[in-house]
Amino acid sequence: MTVVRIPPTLRDQTGGQATLEAEGGTVREVLDDVAGRFPALEARIFSEGDLAGFVNVYADGEDVRTRDGLETEVSDSSTVILLPAMAGGR
């Protein structure tokens, strides 16, 4: 199973879990698996069936937007990291 790492800002949507295991051969399938179990997370990471503009996703250390996007292939040994963009500061 692919490991999905959840940042602190999204853990409320996963019941506090920092990592999840998910099935799928692509990033989309993995995220759909997670979103199916945690609908509140789906609303935070997807917009109209695509990644929300403020969410960065890394598969095995590479930004999926520089690869095949949500169709980036993953394996059972892959790690997918969700990383929402942060704004603010002074």
C-alpha atoms as a PDB file:
ATOM      1  CA  MET A   1       0.000   0.000   0.000  1.00  0.00           C
ATOM      2  CA  THR A   2       1.090   3.569  -0.665  1.00  0.00           C
ATOM      3  CA  VAL A   3       1.704   5.733   2.398  1.00  0.00           C
ATOM      4  CA  VAL A   4       0.039   9.164   2.396  1.00  0.00           C
ATOM      5  CA  ARG A   5       1.554  11.712   4.770  1.00  0.00           C
ATOM      6  CA  ILE A   6      -0.916  14.232   6.165  1.00  0.00           C
ATOM      7  CA  PRO A   7       0.362  17.623   7.385  1.00  0.00           C
ATOM      8  CA  PRO A   8      -0.824  19.034  10.727  1.00  0.00           C
ATOM      9  CA  THR A   9      -3.132  21.526   8.974  1.00  0.00           C
ATOM     10  CA  LEU A  10      -5.189  18.675   7.472  1.00  0.00           C
ATOM     11  CA  ARG A  11      -5.171  16.205  10.355  1.00  0.00           C
ATOM     12  CA  ASP A  12      -8.527  17.409  11.696  1.00  0.00           C
ATOM     13  CA  GLN A  13     -10.020  15.902   8.542  1.00  0.00           C
ATOM     14  CA  THR A  14      -8.336  12.522   9.174  1.00  0.00           C
ATOM     15  CA  GLY A  15      -9.154  12.121  12.838  1.00  0.00           C
ATOM     16  CA  GLY A  16      -5.667  13.238  13.803  1.00  0.00           C
ATOM     17  CA  GLN A  17      -3.836  10.658  11.744  1.00  0.00           C
ATOM     18  CA  ALA A  18      -0.465  11.763  10.362  1.00  0.00           C
ATOM     19  CA  THR A  19      -0.107   8.884   7.909  1.00  0.00           C
ATOM     20  CA  LEU A  20      -2.604   6.780   6.032  1.00  0.00           C
ATOM     21  CA  GLU A  21      -2.254   3.751   3.820  1.00  0.00           C
ATOM     22  CA  ALA A  22      -4.084   3.809   0.523  1.00  0.00           C
ATOM     23  CA  GLU A  23      -4.506   1.664  -2.568  1.00  0.00           C
ATOM     24  CA  GLY A  24      -4.072   2.759  -6.142  1.00  0.00           C
ATOM     25  CA  GLY A  25      -1.724   2.778  -9.090  1.00  0.00           C
ATOM     26  CA  THR A  26      -1.837   6.547  -9.614  1.00  0.00           C
ATOM     27  CA  VAL A  27      -1.867   9.558  -7.334  1.00  0.00           C
ATOM     28  CA  ARG A  28      -5.520  10.139  -8.272  1.00  0.00           C
ATOM     29  CA  GLU A  29      -6.498   6.597  -7.251  1.00  0.00           C
ATOM     30  CA  VAL A  30      -4.586   6.889  -3.975  1.00  0.00           C
ATOM     31  CA  LEU A  31      -6.181  10.241  -3.131  1.00  0.00           C
ATOM     32  CA  ASP A  32      -9.621   8.953  -4.156  1.00  0.00           C
ATOM     33  CA  ASP A  33      -9.160   6.029  -1.773  1.00  0.00           C
ATOM     34  CA  VAL A  34      -8.247   8.381   1.082  1.00  0.00           C
ATOM     35  CA  ALA A  35     -11.009  10.858   0.197  1.00  0.00           C
ATOM     36  CA  GLY A  36     -13.564   8.048   0.169  1.00  0.00           C
ATOM     37  CA  ARG A  37     -12.714   7.280   3.783  1.00  0.00           C
ATOM     38  CA  PHE A  38     -12.331  10.916   4.856  1.00  0.00           C
ATOM     39  CA  PRO A  39     -14.881  13.072   2.961  1.00  0.00           C
ATOM     40  CA  ALA A  40     -13.881  16.219   4.853  1.00  0.00           C
ATOM     41  CA  LEU A  41     -10.371  15.802   3.465  1.00  0.00           C
ATOM     42  CA  GLU A  42     -11.732  15.526  -0.059  1.00  0.00           C
ATOM     43  CA  ALA A  43     -13.279  18.983   0.255  1.00  0.00           C
ATOM     44  CA  ARG A  44      -9.897  20.398   1.281  1.00  0.00           C
ATOM     45  CA  ILE A  45      -7.738  18.839  -1.454  1.00  0.00           C
ATOM     46  CA  PHE A  46     -10.005  18.683  -4.513  1.00  0.00           C
ATOM     47  CA  SER A  47     -11.829  21.357  -6.481  1.00  0.00           C
ATOM     48  CA  GLU A  48     -14.129  20.273  -9.290  1.00  0.00           C
ATOM     49  CA  GLY A  49     -12.388  16.898  -9.605  1.00  0.00           C
ATOM     50  CA  ASP A  50      -8.882  18.302  -9.792  1.00  0.00           C
ATOM     51  CA  LEU A  51      -6.347  19.299  -7.164  1.00  0.00           C
ATOM     52  CA  ALA A  52      -7.247  22.494  -5.405  1.00  0.00           C
ATOM     53  CA  GLY A  53      -4.888  25.251  -6.507  1.00  0.00           C
ATOM     54  CA  PHE A  54      -3.358  25.691  -3.066  1.00  0.00           C
ATOM     55  CA  VAL A  55      -2.535  22.007  -2.517  1.00  0.00           C
ATOM     56  CA  ASN A  56       0.839  20.627  -3.502  1.00  0.00           C
ATOM     57  CA  VAL A  57       1.242  16.876  -3.827  1.00  0.00           C
ATOM     58  CA  TYR A  58       4.557  15.077  -3.902  1.00  0.00           C
ATOM     59  CA  ALA A  59       5.040  11.466  -4.964  1.00  0.00           C
ATOM     60  CA  ASP A  60       8.360   9.996  -3.914  1.00  0.00           C
ATOM     61  CA  GLY A  61       9.769  13.476  -3.360  1.00  0.00           C
ATOM     62  CA  GLU A  62       8.698  15.002  -6.692  1.00  0.00           C
ATOM     63  CA  ASP A  63       5.920  17.533  -7.259  1.00  0.00           C
ATOM     64  CA  VAL A  64       3.280  15.698  -9.295  1.00  0.00           C
ATOM     65  CA  ARG A  65       2.545  18.878 -11.267  1.00  0.00           C
ATOM     66  CA  THR A  66       5.989  18.533 -12.874  1.00  0.00           C
ATOM     67  CA  ARG A  67       5.244  14.918 -13.762  1.00  0.00           C
ATOM     68  CA  ASP A  68       1.871  13.554 -14.905  1.00  0.00           C
ATOM     69  CA  GLY A  69      -0.263  15.381 -12.349  1.00  0.00           C
ATOM     70  CA  LEU A  70      -2.861  13.182 -10.711  1.00  0.00           C
ATOM     71  CA  GLU A  71      -2.073  10.468 -13.252  1.00  0.00           C
ATOM     72  CA  THR A  72       1.488  10.107 -11.870  1.00  0.00           C
ATOM     73  CA  GLU A  73       2.084   6.431 -11.225  1.00  0.00           C
ATOM     74  CA  VAL A  74       2.851   5.164  -7.735  1.00  0.00           C
ATOM     75  CA  SER A  75       3.802   1.782  -6.337  1.00  0.00           C
ATOM     76  CA  ASP A  76       3.186  -0.018  -3.065  1.00  0.00           C
ATOM     77  CA  SER A  77       6.463   1.382  -1.762  1.00  0.00           C
ATOM     78  CA  SER A  78       5.635   4.991  -2.709  1.00  0.00           C
ATOM     79  CA  THR A  79       5.023   7.865  -0.337  1.00  0.00           C
ATOM     80  CA  VAL A  80       2.587  10.621  -1.268  1.00  0.00           C
ATOM     81  CA  ILE A  81       2.798  13.871   0.681  1.00  0.00           C
ATOM     82  CA  LEU A  82       0.001  16.437   0.831  1.00  0.00           C
ATOM     83  CA  LEU A  83       1.289  19.936   1.415  1.00  0.00           C
ATOM     84  CA  PRO A  84      -1.171  22.845   1.388  1.00  0.00           C
ATOM     85  CA  ALA A  85       0.356  26.195   0.552  1.00  0.00           C
ATOM     86  CA  MET A  86       0.606  28.549   3.483  1.00  0.00           C
ATOM     87  CA  ALA A  87      -0.089  32.265   3.274  1.00  0.00           C
ATOM     88  CA  GLY A  88       0.378  35.107   5.634  1.00  0.00           C
ATOM     89  CA  GLY A  89       3.294  36.407   7.543  1.00  0.00           C
ATOM     90  CA  ARG A  90       4.546  39.878   8.094  1.00  0.00           C
END
